[in-house]
Amino acid sequence: MIDYSKSRLLPFSIIKAAASGDAEAMSAVLKHYERYIGKLSLRQLYGENAHPHLSVDEELRLRLETKLIHKVLTFKVD
């Protein structure tokens, strides 16, 4: 599999394949947006002695990934 995560844009062929249900292409789309979704999923939590720290909210991360998959699968490629 080709690593598209360092590129700014996904190639049209990957988007088209992912919209058609290609699992490998969908994996490439998820990999491309992995860091962005991770950043959106950060939440400030408080540990011992009320020290704040950032942590990924896994439930939110999974919800964002699921929403992305849904939108890609319903994307109309003409």
Protein backbone atom coordinates (compact mmCIF):
# COMPACT_ATOMS: atom_id res chain seq x y z
CA MET A 1 0.00 0.00 0.00
CA ILE A 2 1.24 3.51 -0.84
CA ASP A 3 1.59 6.00 2.02
CA TYR A 4 -0.46 9.09 1.11
CA SER A 5 -0.45 10.50 4.67
CA LYS A 6 2.42 12.93 3.93
CA SER A 7 0.70 14.44 0.89
CA ARG A 8 -1.61 17.43 1.23
CA LEU A 9 -4.23 15.96 -1.11
CA LEU A 10 -5.38 12.44 -1.77
CA PRO A 11 -5.23 11.34 -5.40
CA PHE A 12 -8.63 11.23 -7.11
CA SER A 13 -8.14 7.52 -7.85
CA ILE A 14 -7.96 6.76 -4.10
CA ILE A 15 -11.08 8.81 -3.37
CA LYS A 16 -12.96 7.14 -6.21
CA ALA A 17 -11.89 3.65 -5.07
CA ALA A 18 -12.82 4.40 -1.44
CA ALA A 19 -16.23 5.72 -2.52
CA SER A 20 -16.74 2.43 -4.38
CA GLY A 21 -16.07 0.46 -1.20
CA ASP A 22 -12.41 -0.55 -1.70
CA ALA A 23 -11.15 -1.37 1.81
CA GLU A 24 -7.50 -0.61 1.01
CA ALA A 25 -8.41 2.80 -0.42
CA MET A 26 -10.60 3.55 2.61
CA SER A 27 -7.66 2.65 4.82
CA ALA A 28 -5.55 5.15 2.87
CA VAL A 29 -8.20 7.85 3.43
CA LEU A 30 -8.31 7.13 7.16
CA LYS A 31 -4.50 7.14 7.34
CA HIS A 32 -4.43 10.49 5.51
CA TYR A 33 -6.77 12.09 8.07
CA GLU A 34 -5.41 10.22 11.12
CA ARG A 35 -3.47 13.16 12.61
CA TYR A 36 -6.29 15.65 11.97
CA ILE A 37 -8.87 13.38 13.61
CA GLY A 38 -6.49 12.82 16.52
CA LYS A 39 -6.09 16.55 17.00
CA LEU A 40 -9.86 17.08 16.89
CA SER A 41 -10.26 14.34 19.51
CA LEU A 42 -7.97 15.92 22.11
CA ARG A 43 -9.57 16.73 25.45
CA GLN A 44 -8.05 18.37 28.50
CA LEU A 45 -8.20 16.05 31.49
CA TYR A 46 -7.05 16.55 35.04
CA GLY A 47 -4.84 14.03 36.78
CA GLU A 48 -3.59 13.78 40.33
CA ASN A 49 -3.27 17.10 42.16
CA ALA A 50 -5.48 18.70 39.47
CA HIS A 51 -2.64 18.80 36.90
CA PRO A 52 -4.11 19.29 33.41
CA HIS A 53 -3.00 17.13 30.49
CA LEU A 54 -4.25 16.47 26.98
CA SER A 55 -5.55 13.05 26.05
CA VAL A 56 -7.29 11.59 23.00
CA ASP A 57 -10.97 10.90 23.61
CA GLU A 58 -11.17 7.46 21.95
CA GLU A 59 -14.95 7.49 21.68
CA LEU A 60 -14.89 10.83 19.87
CA ARG A 61 -12.03 9.63 17.62
CA LEU A 62 -14.02 6.55 16.61
CA ARG A 63 -17.14 8.63 15.98
CA LEU A 64 -15.18 10.99 13.70
CA GLU A 65 -13.66 8.06 11.80
CA THR A 66 -17.09 6.49 11.38
CA LYS A 67 -18.52 9.78 10.11
CA LEU A 68 -15.65 10.09 7.60
CA ILE A 69 -16.22 6.54 6.34
CA HIS A 70 -19.95 7.22 5.96
CA LYS A 71 -19.33 10.45 4.04
CA VAL A 72 -16.78 8.82 1.73
CA LEU A 73 -19.12 5.93 0.97
CA THR A 74 -21.98 8.31 0.12
CA PHE A 75 -19.73 10.61 -1.94
CA LYS A 76 -20.91 10.83 -5.54
CA VAL A 77 -18.04 10.44 -8.02
CA ASP A 78 -19.04 11.34 -11.56
